[in-house]
Amino acid sequence: MLPNNEIRARVAQNFSWLPGGPIQQYFRARVQHDFLQSRFDQSGEVMLFVSGMLSRSSNAAIQSRIRRLAAELAEQHHQDLALPLTERFGTALILAMRPWTPESFKRLQRK
C-alpha cells in the first residue's frame, strides 16, 4: 500500500502464465468469459479474427510480433502512470494464436 491508499502491483505487466497454473486456470474459469461478453463495437474496443494457412516460420514470425505488441502495451502503461488516475482507464488486450481447425471443419478434411 502506498500513500493515499494507492497500490503497487507486485506482478510484472508482462508476466508469463505457468501452463495449467493457478493464474491461467483462474483466467479460464472466471475472466475469459466476462472479457469476451462485449460486442466490441464501442469506442476503445476492437476484436479481430484472422485465420490462414501458415508455415512454421511464418507462425513463429507472427508470434514474435505479438510479443512485441505486448511489450509495447506494457511500455505505454508505464508511461501513462505519470497521468492522473482520472485520465486513465483499465485496458486489456488478448491475442491468441495456435494451429487450429474448427471442429465443424475437421470432418470435411481429406484424409
PDB file of N, CA and C in Angstrom:
ATOM      1  N   MET A   1       0.849  -1.178   0.000  1.00  0.00           N
ATOM      2  CA  MET A   1       0.000   0.000   0.000  1.00  0.00           C
ATOM      3  C   MET A   1       0.888   1.233   0.000  1.00  0.00           C
ATOM      4  N   LEU A   2       0.539   2.180  -0.836  1.00  0.00           N
ATOM      5  CA  LEU A   2       1.275   3.428  -0.957  1.00  0.00           C
ATOM      6  C   LEU A   2       0.455   4.563  -0.351  1.00  0.00           C
ATOM      7  N   PRO A   3       1.057   5.755  -0.211  1.00  0.00           N
ATOM      8  CA  PRO A   3       0.279   6.892   0.310  1.00  0.00           C
ATOM      9  C   PRO A   3      -0.998   7.110  -0.506  1.00  0.00           C
ATOM     10  N   ASN A   4      -1.988   7.683   0.145  1.00  0.00           N
ATOM     11  CA  ASN A   4      -3.311   7.963  -0.446  1.00  0.00           C
ATOM     12  C   ASN A   4      -4.019   6.687  -0.877  1.00  0.00           C
ATOM     13  N   ASN A   5      -3.777   5.597  -0.188  1.00  0.00           N
ATOM     14  CA  ASN A   5      -4.423   4.311  -0.446  1.00  0.00           C
ATOM     15  C   ASN A   5      -4.203   3.791  -1.864  1.00  0.00           C
ATOM     16  N   GLU A   6      -3.080   4.179  -2.473  1.00  0.00           N
ATOM     17  CA  GLU A   6      -2.748   3.645  -3.779  1.00  0.00           C
ATOM     18  C   GLU A   6      -2.028   2.317  -3.590  1.00  0.00           C
ATOM     19  N   ILE A   7      -2.148   1.475  -4.606  1.00  0.00           N
ATOM     20  CA  ILE A   7      -1.488   0.175  -4.530  1.00  0.00           C
ATOM     21  C   ILE A   7      -0.434   0.073  -5.615  1.00  0.00           C
ATOM     22  N   ARG A   8       0.527  -0.779  -5.389  1.00  0.00           N
ATOM     23  CA  ARG A   8       1.538  -1.057  -6.399  1.00  0.00           C
ATOM     24  C   ARG A   8       1.438  -2.534  -6.716  1.00  0.00           C
ATOM     25  N   ALA A   9       1.250  -2.821  -7.998  1.00  0.00           N
ATOM     26  CA  ALA A   9       1.165  -4.221  -8.411  1.00  0.00           C
ATOM     27  C   ALA A   9       2.501  -4.899  -8.154  1.00  0.00           C
ATOM     28  N   ARG A  10       2.458  -6.102  -7.640  1.00  0.00           N
ATOM     29  CA  ARG A  10       3.681  -6.851  -7.369  1.00  0.00           C
ATOM     30  C   ARG A  10       3.907  -7.913  -8.438  1.00  0.00           C
ATOM     31  N   VAL A  11       3.130  -7.837  -9.499  1.00  0.00           N
ATOM     32  CA  VAL A  11       3.265  -8.763 -10.620  1.00  0.00           C
ATOM     33  C   VAL A  11       3.623  -7.932 -11.840  1.00  0.00           C
ATOM     34  N   ALA A  12       4.625  -8.347 -12.567  1.00  0.00           N
ATOM     35  CA  ALA A  12       5.045  -7.619 -13.763  1.00  0.00           C
ATOM     36  C   ALA A  12       3.921  -7.607 -14.792  1.00  0.00           C
ATOM     37  N   GLN A  13       3.824  -6.525 -15.554  1.00  0.00           N
ATOM     38  CA  GLN A  13       2.814  -6.427 -16.596  1.00  0.00           C
ATOM     39  C   GLN A  13       2.969  -7.500 -17.653  1.00  0.00           C
ATOM     40  N   ASN A  14       4.191  -7.956 -17.870  1.00  0.00           N
ATOM     41  CA  ASN A  14       4.456  -8.918 -18.933  1.00  0.00           C
ATOM     42  C   ASN A  14       4.789 -10.304 -18.393  1.00  0.00           C
ATOM     43  N   PHE A  15       4.163 -10.669 -17.278  1.00  0.00           N
ATOM     44  CA  PHE A  15       4.425 -11.982 -16.710  1.00  0.00           C
ATOM     45  C   PHE A  15       3.936 -13.082 -17.649  1.00  0.00           C
ATOM     46  N   SER A  16       4.476 -14.253 -17.487  1.00  0.00           N
ATOM     47  CA  SER A  16       4.029 -15.403 -18.281  1.00  0.00           C
ATOM     48  C   SER A  16       3.294 -16.372 -17.366  1.00  0.00           C
ATOM     49  N   TRP A  17       2.173 -16.859 -17.841  1.00  0.00           N
ATOM     50  CA  TRP A  17       1.442 -17.853 -17.079  1.00  0.00           C
ATOM     51  C   TRP A  17       2.200 -19.162 -17.078  1.00  0.00           C
ATOM     52  N   LEU A  18       2.120 -19.865 -15.970  1.00  0.00           N
ATOM     53  CA  LEU A  18       2.565 -21.251 -15.960  1.00  0.00           C
ATOM     54  C   LEU A  18       1.488 -22.048 -16.680  1.00  0.00           C
ATOM     55  N   PRO A  19       1.845 -22.828 -17.677  1.00  0.00           N
ATOM     56  CA  PRO A  19       0.821 -23.615 -18.377  1.00  0.00           C
ATOM     57  C   PRO A  19       0.036 -24.474 -17.378  1.00  0.00           C
ATOM     58  N   GLY A  20      -1.269 -24.271 -17.334  1.00  0.00           N
ATOM     59  CA  GLY A  20      -2.112 -25.009 -16.402  1.00  0.00           C
ATOM     60  C   GLY A  20      -1.994 -24.538 -14.967  1.00  0.00           C
ATOM     61  N   GLY A  21      -1.262 -23.425 -14.750  1.00  0.00           N
ATOM     62  CA  GLY A  21      -1.047 -22.904 -13.401  1.00  0.00           C
ATOM     63  C   GLY A  21      -2.273 -22.189 -12.858  1.00  0.00           C
ATOM     64  N   PRO A  22      -2.198 -21.733 -11.608  1.00  0.00           N
ATOM     65  CA  PRO A  22      -3.375 -21.142 -10.952  1.00  0.00           C
ATOM     66  C   PRO A  22      -3.891 -19.872 -11.621  1.00  0.00           C
ATOM     67  N   ILE A  23      -3.014 -19.022 -12.139  1.00  0.00           N
ATOM     68  CA  ILE A  23      -3.490 -17.792 -12.782  1.00  0.00           C
ATOM     69  C   ILE A  23      -4.176 -18.125 -14.100  1.00  0.00           C
ATOM     70  N   GLN A  24      -3.598 -19.035 -14.856  1.00  0.00           N
ATOM     71  CA  GLN A  24      -4.228 -19.430 -16.120  1.00  0.00           C
ATOM     72  C   GLN A  24      -5.566 -20.120 -15.845  1.00  0.00           C
ATOM     73  N   GLN A  25      -5.628 -20.960 -14.842  1.00  0.00           N
ATOM     74  CA  GLN A  25      -6.894 -21.623 -14.503  1.00  0.00           C
ATOM     75  C   GLN A  25      -7.944 -20.598 -14.078  1.00  0.00           C
ATOM     76  N   TYR A  26      -7.537 -19.622 -13.259  1.00  0.00           N
ATOM     77  CA  TYR A  26      -8.473 -18.574 -12.831  1.00  0.00           C
ATOM     78  C   TYR A  26      -8.969 -17.787 -14.049  1.00  0.00           C
ATOM     79  N   PHE A  27      -8.055 -17.425 -14.945  1.00  0.00           N
ATOM     80  CA  PHE A  27      -8.446 -16.683 -16.147  1.00  0.00           C
ATOM     81  C   PHE A  27      -9.469 -17.466 -16.951  1.00  0.00           C
ATOM     82  N   ARG A  28      -9.193 -18.725 -17.179  1.00  0.00           N
ATOM     83  CA  ARG A  28     -10.122 -19.531 -17.981  1.00  0.00           C
ATOM     84  C   ARG A  28     -11.474 -19.702 -17.305  1.00  0.00           C
ATOM     85  N   ALA A  29     -11.469 -19.858 -15.998  1.00  0.00           N
ATOM     86  CA  ALA A  29     -12.717 -20.115 -15.271  1.00  0.00           C
ATOM     87  C   ALA A  29     -13.550 -18.853 -15.054  1.00  0.00           C
ATOM     88  N   ARG A  30     -12.906 -17.703 -14.817  1.00  0.00           N
ATOM     89  CA  ARG A  30     -13.650 -16.536 -14.391  1.00  0.00           C
ATOM     90  C   ARG A  30     -13.536 -15.310 -15.286  1.00  0.00           C
ATOM     91  N   VAL A  31     -12.392 -15.083 -15.885  1.00  0.00           N
ATOM     92  CA  VAL A  31     -12.148 -13.824 -16.584  1.00  0.00           C
ATOM     93  C   VAL A  31     -12.454 -13.927 -18.074  1.00  0.00           C
ATOM     94  N   GLN A  32     -12.077 -14.998 -18.694  1.00  0.00           N
ATOM     95  CA  GLN A  32     -12.199 -15.156 -20.143  1.00  0.00           C
ATOM     96  C   GLN A  32     -13.618 -14.896 -20.636  1.00  0.00           C
ATOM     97  N   HIS A  33     -14.590 -15.535 -20.035  1.00  0.00           N
ATOM     98  CA  HIS A  33     -15.985 -15.382 -20.463  1.00  0.00           C
ATOM     99  C   HIS A  33     -16.445 -13.939 -20.279  1.00  0.00           C
ATOM    100  N   ASP A  34     -16.143 -13.346 -19.121  1.00  0.00           N
ATOM    101  CA  ASP A  34     -16.546 -11.972 -18.838  1.00  0.00           C
ATOM    102  C   ASP A  34     -15.933 -11.014 -19.854  1.00  0.00           C
ATOM    103  N   PHE A  35     -14.655 -11.187 -20.157  1.00  0.00           N
ATOM    104  CA  PHE A  35     -13.967 -10.311 -21.107  1.00  0.00           C
ATOM    105  C   PHE A  35     -14.607 -10.389 -22.484  1.00  0.00           C
ATOM    106  N   LEU A  36     -14.958 -11.567 -22.934  1.00  0.00           N
ATOM    107  CA  LEU A  36     -15.476 -11.761 -24.283  1.00  0.00           C
ATOM    108  C   LEU A  36     -16.969 -11.477 -24.417  1.00  0.00           C
ATOM    109  N   GLN A  37     -17.641 -11.078 -23.339  1.00  0.00           N
ATOM    110  CA  GLN A  37     -19.074 -10.771 -23.392  1.00  0.00           C
ATOM    111  C   GLN A  37     -19.372  -9.496 -24.177  1.00  0.00           C
ATOM    112  N   SER A  38     -18.379  -8.632 -24.349  1.00  0.00           N
ATOM    113  CA  SER A  38     -18.587  -7.380 -25.067  1.00  0.00           C
ATOM    114  C   SER A  38     -18.893  -7.635 -26.544  1.00  0.00           C
ATOM    115  N   ARG A  39     -19.609  -6.695 -27.171  1.00  0.00           N
ATOM    116  CA  ARG A  39     -19.818  -6.765 -28.619  1.00  0.00           C
ATOM    117  C   ARG A  39     -18.629  -6.149 -29.356  1.00  0.00           C
ATOM    118  N   PHE A  40     -17.703  -5.518 -28.614  1.00  0.00           N
ATOM    119  CA  PHE A  40     -16.508  -4.904 -29.181  1.00  0.00           C
ATOM    120  C   PHE A  40     -16.856  -3.898 -30.280  1.00  0.00           C
ATOM    121  N   ASP A  41     -17.923  -3.105 -30.040  1.00  0.00           N
ATOM    122  CA  ASP A  41     -18.315  -2.097 -31.019  1.00  0.00           C
ATOM    123  C   ASP A  41     -18.358  -0.689 -30.427  1.00  0.00           C
ATOM    124  N   GLN A  42     -17.838  -0.534 -29.224  1.00  0.00           N
ATOM    125  CA  GLN A  42     -17.809   0.771 -28.571  1.00  0.00           C
ATOM    126  C   GLN A  42     -16.451   1.433 -28.785  1.00  0.00           C
ATOM    127  N   SER A  43     -16.383   2.720 -28.493  1.00  0.00           N
ATOM    128  CA  SER A  43     -15.128   3.454 -28.583  1.00  0.00           C
ATOM    129  C   SER A  43     -14.080   2.778 -27.701  1.00  0.00           C
ATOM    130  N   GLY A  44     -12.896   2.581 -28.235  1.00  0.00           N
ATOM    131  CA  GLY A  44     -11.816   1.959 -27.474  1.00  0.00           C
ATOM    132  C   GLY A  44     -11.823   0.445 -27.511  1.00  0.00           C
ATOM    133  N   GLU A  45     -12.755  -0.158 -28.222  1.00  0.00           N
ATOM    134  CA  GLU A  45     -12.844  -1.617 -28.307  1.00  0.00           C
ATOM    135  C   GLU A  45     -12.578  -2.079 -29.727  1.00  0.00           C
ATOM    136  N   VAL A  46     -11.980  -3.239 -29.847  1.00  0.00           N
ATOM    137  CA  VAL A  46     -11.792  -3.857 -31.159  1.00  0.00           C
ATOM    138  C   VAL A  46     -11.620  -5.354 -30.959  1.00  0.00           C
ATOM    139  N   MET A  47     -12.156  -6.102 -31.847  1.00  0.00           N
ATOM    140  CA  MET A  47     -11.954  -7.546 -31.854  1.00  0.00           C
ATOM    141  C   MET A  47     -11.755  -7.951 -33.302  1.00  0.00           C
ATOM    142  N   LEU A  48     -10.665  -8.633 -33.551  1.00  0.00           N
ATOM    143  CA  LEU A  48     -10.360  -9.083 -34.900  1.00  0.00           C
ATOM    144  C   LEU A  48     -10.167 -10.590 -34.876  1.00  0.00           C
ATOM    145  N   PHE A  49     -10.590 -11.230 -35.928  1.00  0.00           N
ATOM    146  CA  PHE A  49     -10.346 -12.658 -36.089  1.00  0.00           C
ATOM    147  C   PHE A  49      -9.815 -12.852 -37.496  1.00  0.00           C
ATOM    148  N   VAL A  50      -8.636 -13.390 -37.582  1.00  0.00           N
ATOM    149  CA  VAL A  50      -7.997 -13.631 -38.871  1.00  0.00           C
ATOM    150  C   VAL A  50      -7.474 -15.061 -38.845  1.00  0.00           C
ATOM    151  N   SER A  51      -7.638 -15.763 -39.925  1.00  0.00           N
ATOM    152  CA  SER A  51      -7.084 -17.110 -39.989  1.00  0.00           C
ATOM    153  C   SER A  51      -6.413 -17.304 -41.335  1.00  0.00           C
ATOM    154  N   GLY A  52      -5.542 -18.259 -41.395  1.00  0.00           N
ATOM    155  CA  GLY A  52      -4.840 -18.538 -42.634  1.00  0.00           C
ATOM    156  C   GLY A  52      -3.998 -19.781 -42.479  1.00  0.00           C
ATOM    157  N   MET A  53      -3.426 -20.210 -43.556  1.00  0.00           N
ATOM    158  CA  MET A  53      -2.540 -21.373 -43.570  1.00  0.00           C
ATOM    159  C   MET A  53      -1.106 -20.850 -43.557  1.00  0.00           C
ATOM    160  N   LEU A  54      -0.353 -21.121 -42.499  1.00  0.00           N
ATOM    161  CA  LEU A  54       0.997 -20.604 -42.335  1.00  0.00           C
ATOM    162  C   LEU A  54       2.019 -21.723 -42.220  1.00  0.00           C
ATOM    163  N   SER A  55       3.225 -21.423 -42.611  1.00  0.00           N
ATOM    164  CA  SER A  55       4.347 -22.327 -42.362  1.00  0.00           C
ATOM    165  C   SER A  55       4.788 -22.146 -40.911  1.00  0.00           C
ATOM    166  N   ARG A  56       5.635 -23.051 -40.434  1.00  0.00           N
ATOM    167  CA  ARG A  56       6.157 -22.915 -39.065  1.00  0.00           C
ATOM    168  C   ARG A  56       6.926 -21.611 -38.901  1.00  0.00           C
ATOM    169  N   SER A  57       7.701 -21.215 -39.920  1.00  0.00           N
ATOM    170  CA  SER A  57       8.485 -19.983 -39.802  1.00  0.00           C
ATOM    171  C   SER A  57       7.579 -18.750 -39.808  1.00  0.00           C
ATOM    172  N   SER A  58       6.537 -18.748 -40.590  1.00  0.00           N
ATOM    173  CA  SER A  58       5.596 -17.623 -40.590  1.00  0.00           C
ATOM    174  C   SER A  58       4.861 -17.544 -39.259  1.00  0.00           C
ATOM    175  N   ASN A  59       4.470 -18.691 -38.718  1.00  0.00           N
ATOM    176  CA  ASN A  59       3.820 -18.732 -37.415  1.00  0.00           C
ATOM    177  C   ASN A  59       4.744 -18.137 -36.351  1.00  0.00           C
ATOM    178  N   ALA A  60       6.018 -18.525 -36.373  1.00  0.00           N
ATOM    179  CA  ALA A  60       6.988 -18.012 -35.398  1.00  0.00           C
ATOM    180  C   ALA A  60       7.167 -16.499 -35.556  1.00  0.00           C
ATOM    181  N   ALA A  61       7.182 -15.998 -36.791  1.00  0.00           N
ATOM    182  CA  ALA A  61       7.339 -14.562 -37.029  1.00  0.00           C
ATOM    183  C   ALA A  61       6.158 -13.782 -36.451  1.00  0.00           C
ATOM    184  N   ILE A  62       4.957 -14.282 -36.643  1.00  0.00           N
ATOM    185  CA  ILE A  62       3.770 -13.606 -36.104  1.00  0.00           C
ATOM    186  C   ILE A  62       3.795 -13.645 -34.575  1.00  0.00           C
ATOM    187  N   GLN A  63       4.175 -14.780 -34.006  1.00  0.00           N
ATOM    188  CA  GLN A  63       4.268 -14.860 -32.541  1.00  0.00           C
ATOM    189  C   GLN A  63       5.252 -13.830 -31.999  1.00  0.00           C
ATOM    190  N   SER A  64       6.358 -13.625 -32.692  1.00  0.00           N
ATOM    191  CA  SER A  64       7.348 -12.629 -32.278  1.00  0.00           C
ATOM    192  C   SER A  64       6.744 -11.222 -32.293  1.00  0.00           C
ATOM    193  N   ARG A  65       5.968 -10.930 -33.316  1.00  0.00           N
ATOM    194  CA  ARG A  65       5.325  -9.612 -33.400  1.00  0.00           C
ATOM    195  C   ARG A  65       4.273  -9.433 -32.304  1.00  0.00           C
ATOM    196  N   ILE A  66       3.562 -10.499 -31.957  1.00  0.00           N
ATOM    197  CA  ILE A  66       2.580 -10.427 -30.870  1.00  0.00           C
ATOM    198  C   ILE A  66       3.290 -10.114 -29.558  1.00  0.00           C
ATOM    199  N   ARG A  67       4.437 -10.751 -29.330  1.00  0.00           N
ATOM    200  CA  ARG A  67       5.202 -10.473 -28.106  1.00  0.00           C
ATOM    201  C   ARG A  67       5.680  -9.017 -28.072  1.00  0.00           C
ATOM    202  N   ARG A  68       6.081  -8.476 -29.219  1.00  0.00           N
ATOM    203  CA  ARG A  68       6.496  -7.071 -29.268  1.00  0.00           C
ATOM    204  C   ARG A  68       5.307  -6.149 -28.983  1.00  0.00           C
ATOM    205  N   LEU A  69       4.125  -6.500 -29.478  1.00  0.00           N
ATOM    206  CA  LEU A  69       2.929  -5.704 -29.194  1.00  0.00           C
ATOM    207  C   LEU A  69       2.631  -5.712 -27.693  1.00  0.00           C
ATOM    208  N   ALA A  70       2.746  -6.867 -27.061  1.00  0.00           N
ATOM    209  CA  ALA A  70       2.530  -6.952 -25.616  1.00  0.00           C
ATOM    210  C   ALA A  70       3.538  -6.083 -24.863  1.00  0.00           C
ATOM    211  N   ALA A  71       4.785  -6.085 -25.308  1.00  0.00           N
ATOM    212  CA  ALA A  71       5.806  -5.245 -24.683  1.00  0.00           C
ATOM    213  C   ALA A  71       5.479  -3.768 -24.880  1.00  0.00           C
ATOM    214  N   GLU A  72       4.937  -3.410 -26.039  1.00  0.00           N
ATOM    215  CA  GLU A  72       4.553  -2.022 -26.298  1.00  0.00           C
ATOM    216  C   GLU A  72       3.420  -1.587 -25.381  1.00  0.00           C
ATOM    217  N   LEU A  73       2.439  -2.459 -25.163  1.00  0.00           N
ATOM    218  CA  LEU A  73       1.357  -2.129 -24.243  1.00  0.00           C
ATOM    219  C   LEU A  73       1.919  -1.894 -22.844  1.00  0.00           C
ATOM    220  N   ALA A  74       2.827  -2.740 -22.395  1.00  0.00           N
ATOM    221  CA  ALA A  74       3.438  -2.576 -21.071  1.00  0.00           C
ATOM    222  C   ALA A  74       4.201  -1.250 -20.994  1.00  0.00           C
ATOM    223  N   GLU A  75       4.889  -0.890 -22.068  1.00  0.00           N
ATOM    224  CA  GLU A  75       5.634   0.373 -22.104  1.00  0.00           C
ATOM    225  C   GLU A  75       4.682   1.567 -22.006  1.00  0.00           C
ATOM    226  N   GLN A  76       3.581   1.522 -22.753  1.00  0.00           N
ATOM    227  CA  GLN A  76       2.593   2.599 -22.689  1.00  0.00           C
ATOM    228  C   GLN A  76       1.995   2.705 -21.288  1.00  0.00           C
ATOM    229  N   HIS A  77       1.742   1.563 -20.672  1.00  0.00           N
ATOM    230  CA  HIS A  77       1.215   1.546 -19.304  1.00  0.00           C
ATOM    231  C   HIS A  77       2.166   2.296 -18.372  1.00  0.00           C
ATOM    232  N   HIS A  78       3.452   1.996 -18.461  1.00  0.00           N
ATOM    233  CA  HIS A  78       4.430   2.647 -17.583  1.00  0.00           C
ATOM    234  C   HIS A  78       4.517   4.146 -17.868  1.00  0.00           C
ATOM    235  N   GLN A  79       4.429   4.546 -19.118  1.00  0.00           N
ATOM    236  CA  GLN A  79       4.450   5.974 -19.447  1.00  0.00           C
ATOM    237  C   GLN A  79       3.221   6.680 -18.883  1.00  0.00           C
ATOM    238  N   ASP A  80       2.069   6.026 -18.972  1.00  0.00           N
ATOM    239  CA  ASP A  80       0.819   6.640 -18.533  1.00  0.00           C
ATOM    240  C   ASP A  80       0.666   6.672 -17.021  1.00  0.00           C
ATOM    241  N   LEU A  81       1.518   5.988 -16.283  1.00  0.00           N
ATOM    242  CA  LEU A  81       1.456   6.046 -14.822  1.00  0.00           C
ATOM    243  C   LEU A  81       1.666   7.462 -14.314  1.00  0.00           C
ATOM    244  N   ALA A  82       2.308   8.308 -15.102  1.00  0.00           N
ATOM    245  CA  ALA A  82       2.533   9.696 -14.707  1.00  0.00           C
ATOM    246  C   ALA A  82       1.256  10.533 -14.796  1.00  0.00           C
ATOM    247  N   LEU A  83       0.253  10.058 -15.517  1.00  0.00           N
ATOM    248  CA  LEU A  83      -1.007  10.787 -15.662  1.00  0.00           C
ATOM    249  C   LEU A  83      -1.892  10.571 -14.441  1.00  0.00           C
ATOM    250  N   PRO A  84      -2.774  11.532 -14.151  1.00  0.00           N
ATOM    251  CA  PRO A  84      -3.729  11.321 -13.055  1.00  0.00           C
ATOM    252  C   PRO A  84      -4.643  10.129 -13.361  1.00  0.00           C
ATOM    253  N   LEU A  85      -5.093   9.468 -12.337  1.00  0.00           N
ATOM    254  CA  LEU A  85      -5.961   8.304 -12.495  1.00  0.00           C
ATOM    255  C   LEU A  85      -7.223   8.641 -13.281  1.00  0.00           C
ATOM    256  N   THR A  86      -7.704   9.863 -13.180  1.00  0.00           N
ATOM    257  CA  THR A  86      -8.917  10.261 -13.906  1.00  0.00           C
ATOM    258  C   THR A  86      -8.710  10.273 -15.419  1.00  0.00           C
ATOM    259  N   GLU A  87      -7.457  10.284 -15.866  1.00  0.00           N
ATOM    260  CA  GLU A  87      -7.173  10.288 -17.298  1.00  0.00           C
ATOM    261  C   GLU A  87      -6.795   8.904 -17.825  1.00  0.00           C
ATOM    262  N   ARG A  88      -6.895   7.898 -16.977  1.00  0.00           N
ATOM    263  CA  ARG A  88      -6.545   6.535 -17.387  1.00  0.00           C
ATOM    264  C   ARG A  88      -7.733   5.611 -17.144  1.00  0.00           C
ATOM    265  N   PHE A  89      -7.785   4.514 -17.859  1.00  0.00           N
ATOM    266  CA  PHE A  89      -8.835   3.516 -17.648  1.00  0.00           C
ATOM    267  C   PHE A  89      -8.243   2.135 -17.862  1.00  0.00           C
ATOM    268  N   GLY A  90      -8.804   1.159 -17.204  1.00  0.00           N
ATOM    269  CA  GLY A  90      -8.338  -0.212 -17.344  1.00  0.00           C
ATOM    270  C   GLY A  90      -8.457  -0.661 -18.797  1.00  0.00           C
ATOM    271  N   THR A  91      -7.435  -1.281 -19.284  1.00  0.00           N
ATOM    272  CA  THR A  91      -7.405  -1.742 -20.664  1.00  0.00           C
ATOM    273  C   THR A  91      -6.820  -3.134 -20.696  1.00  0.00           C
ATOM    274  N   ALA A  92      -7.423  -4.025 -21.426  1.00  0.00           N
ATOM    275  CA  ALA A  92      -6.922  -5.386 -21.538  1.00  0.00           C
ATOM    276  C   ALA A  92      -6.778  -5.740 -23.009  1.00  0.00           C
ATOM    277  N   LEU A  93      -5.788  -6.530 -23.293  1.00  0.00           N
ATOM    278  CA  LEU A  93      -5.527  -6.982 -24.649  1.00  0.00           C
ATOM    279  C   LEU A  93      -5.352  -8.483 -24.604  1.00  0.00           C
ATOM    280  N   ILE A  94      -6.080  -9.166 -25.441  1.00  0.00           N
ATOM    281  CA  ILE A  94      -5.892 -10.611 -25.533  1.00  0.00           C
ATOM    282  C   ILE A  94      -5.710 -10.956 -26.998  1.00  0.00           C
ATOM    283  N   LEU A  95      -4.638 -11.608 -27.267  1.00  0.00           N
ATOM    284  CA  LEU A  95      -4.355 -12.129 -28.596  1.00  0.00           C
ATOM    285  C   LEU A  95      -4.063 -13.604 -28.416  1.00  0.00           C
ATOM    286  N   ALA A  96      -4.568 -14.395 -29.285  1.00  0.00           N
ATOM    287  CA  ALA A  96      -4.313 -15.838 -29.189  1.00  0.00           C
ATOM    288  C   ALA A  96      -3.992 -16.351 -30.573  1.00  0.00           C
ATOM    289  N   MET A  97      -3.065 -17.262 -30.616  1.00  0.00           N
ATOM    290  CA  MET A  97      -2.691 -17.839 -31.906  1.00  0.00           C
ATOM    291  C   MET A  97      -2.284 -19.271 -31.670  1.00  0.00           C
ATOM    292  N   ARG A  98      -2.784 -20.158 -32.498  1.00  0.00           N
ATOM    293  CA  ARG A  98      -2.415 -21.565 -32.390  1.00  0.00           C
ATOM    294  C   ARG A  98      -2.795 -22.279 -33.668  1.00  0.00           C
ATOM    295  N   PRO A  99      -2.111 -23.371 -33.955  1.00  0.00           N
ATOM    296  CA  PRO A  99      -2.591 -24.207 -35.055  1.00  0.00           C
ATOM    297  C   PRO A  99      -3.992 -24.705 -34.674  1.00  0.00           C
ATOM    298  N   TRP A 100      -4.939 -24.511 -35.542  1.00  0.00           N
ATOM    299  CA  TRP A 100      -6.311 -24.820 -35.169  1.00  0.00           C
ATOM    300  C   TRP A 100      -7.176 -25.012 -36.401  1.00  0.00           C
ATOM    301  N   THR A 101      -8.059 -25.985 -36.312  1.00  0.00           N
ATOM    302  CA  THR A 101      -9.094 -26.198 -37.305  1.00  0.00           C
ATOM    303  C   THR A 101     -10.413 -26.295 -36.545  1.00  0.00           C
ATOM    304  N   PRO A 102     -11.421 -25.505 -36.913  1.00  0.00           N
ATOM    305  CA  PRO A 102     -12.716 -25.624 -36.230  1.00  0.00           C
ATOM    306  C   PRO A 102     -13.214 -27.070 -36.274  1.00  0.00           C
ATOM    307  N   GLU A 103     -13.790 -27.506 -35.191  1.00  0.00           N
ATOM    308  CA  GLU A 103     -14.294 -28.881 -35.112  1.00  0.00           C
ATOM    309  C   GLU A 103     -15.220 -29.200 -36.268  1.00  0.00           C
ATOM    310  N   SER A 104     -16.052 -28.233 -36.658  1.00  0.00           N
ATOM    311  CA  SER A 104     -17.003 -28.491 -37.745  1.00  0.00           C
ATOM    312  C   SER A 104     -16.307 -28.684 -39.093  1.00  0.00           C
ATOM    313  N   PHE A 105     -15.070 -28.204 -39.219  1.00  0.00           N
ATOM    314  CA  PHE A 105     -14.327 -28.379 -40.468  1.00  0.00           C
ATOM    315  C   PHE A 105     -13.569 -29.709 -40.505  1.00  0.00           C
ATOM    316  N   LYS A 106     -13.247 -30.246 -39.349  1.00  0.00           N
ATOM    317  CA  LYS A 106     -12.411 -31.440 -39.294  1.00  0.00           C
ATOM    318  C   LYS A 106     -13.035 -32.623 -40.059  1.00  0.00           C
ATOM    319  N   ARG A 107     -14.323 -32.767 -39.950  1.00  0.00           N
ATOM    320  CA  ARG A 107     -14.963 -33.894 -40.633  1.00  0.00           C
ATOM    321  C   ARG A 107     -14.964 -33.736 -42.143  1.00  0.00           C
ATOM    322  N   LEU A 108     -14.725 -32.512 -42.619  1.00  0.00           N
ATOM    323  CA  LEU A 108     -14.692 -32.254 -44.051  1.00  0.00           C
ATOM    324  C   LEU A 108     -13.301 -32.397 -44.660  1.00  0.00           C
ATOM    325  N   GLN A 109     -12.277 -32.554 -43.817  1.00  0.00           N
ATOM    326  CA  GLN A 109     -10.905 -32.657 -44.317  1.00  0.00           C
ATOM    327  C   GLN A 109     -10.678 -33.983 -45.020  1.00  0.00           C
ATOM    328  N   ARG A 110      -9.836 -33.900 -46.010  1.00  0.00           N
ATOM    329  CA  ARG A 110      -9.427 -35.124 -46.702  1.00  0.00           C
ATOM    330  C   ARG A 110      -8.438 -35.862 -45.825  1.00  0.00           C
ATOM    331  N   LYS A 111      -8.524 -37.160 -45.858  1.00  0.00           N
ATOM    332  CA  LYS A 111      -7.597 -37.981 -45.057  1.00  0.00           C
ATOM    333  C   LYS A 111      -6.270 -38.099 -45.722  1.00  0.00           C
TER     334      LYS A 111
END
